[in-house]
Amino acid sequence: MTEYVMVYIGGNQPSTPEEGKQHFEKYQAWLASLGEAAVSPMNPLKNTSTINSNGTVTTGSKTTMSGYTIVEAQSMEAALEIAKACPFLDIGGTLEVSERVQMGS
């Protein structure tokens, strides 16, 4: 099977701790529903720095990427269906889905 990387972009922070807890529970349930198809779930990112083309380093990201999940699926269409069910979309986030290329050593 092919691996697909789902990148989490944007999204609104929950306005209350209770809202955050409810969202996280929905997210965990979604991941659990994927079973073994979730190859590398829940990979949040923080403290991003950007190295610019001129070599300078700036704090923060040029995008609003906040993490990623790697799933196995039969096709891009199947991976997109998995992504469409992700609760991250419920908080205004966007998902980018890409086929992961296996590089030889």
Foldseek 3Di string as FASTA:
>chain_A
DFKKKKWKFDFDDDPDVVSVVVLVVLQVVLVVVQPVQFPFPDFFDDFDWDQDPVRDIGTDDPTRTTGMTMGDDPDPVRVVVSVVSHSSVVRVIDIDMDTDDDDDD
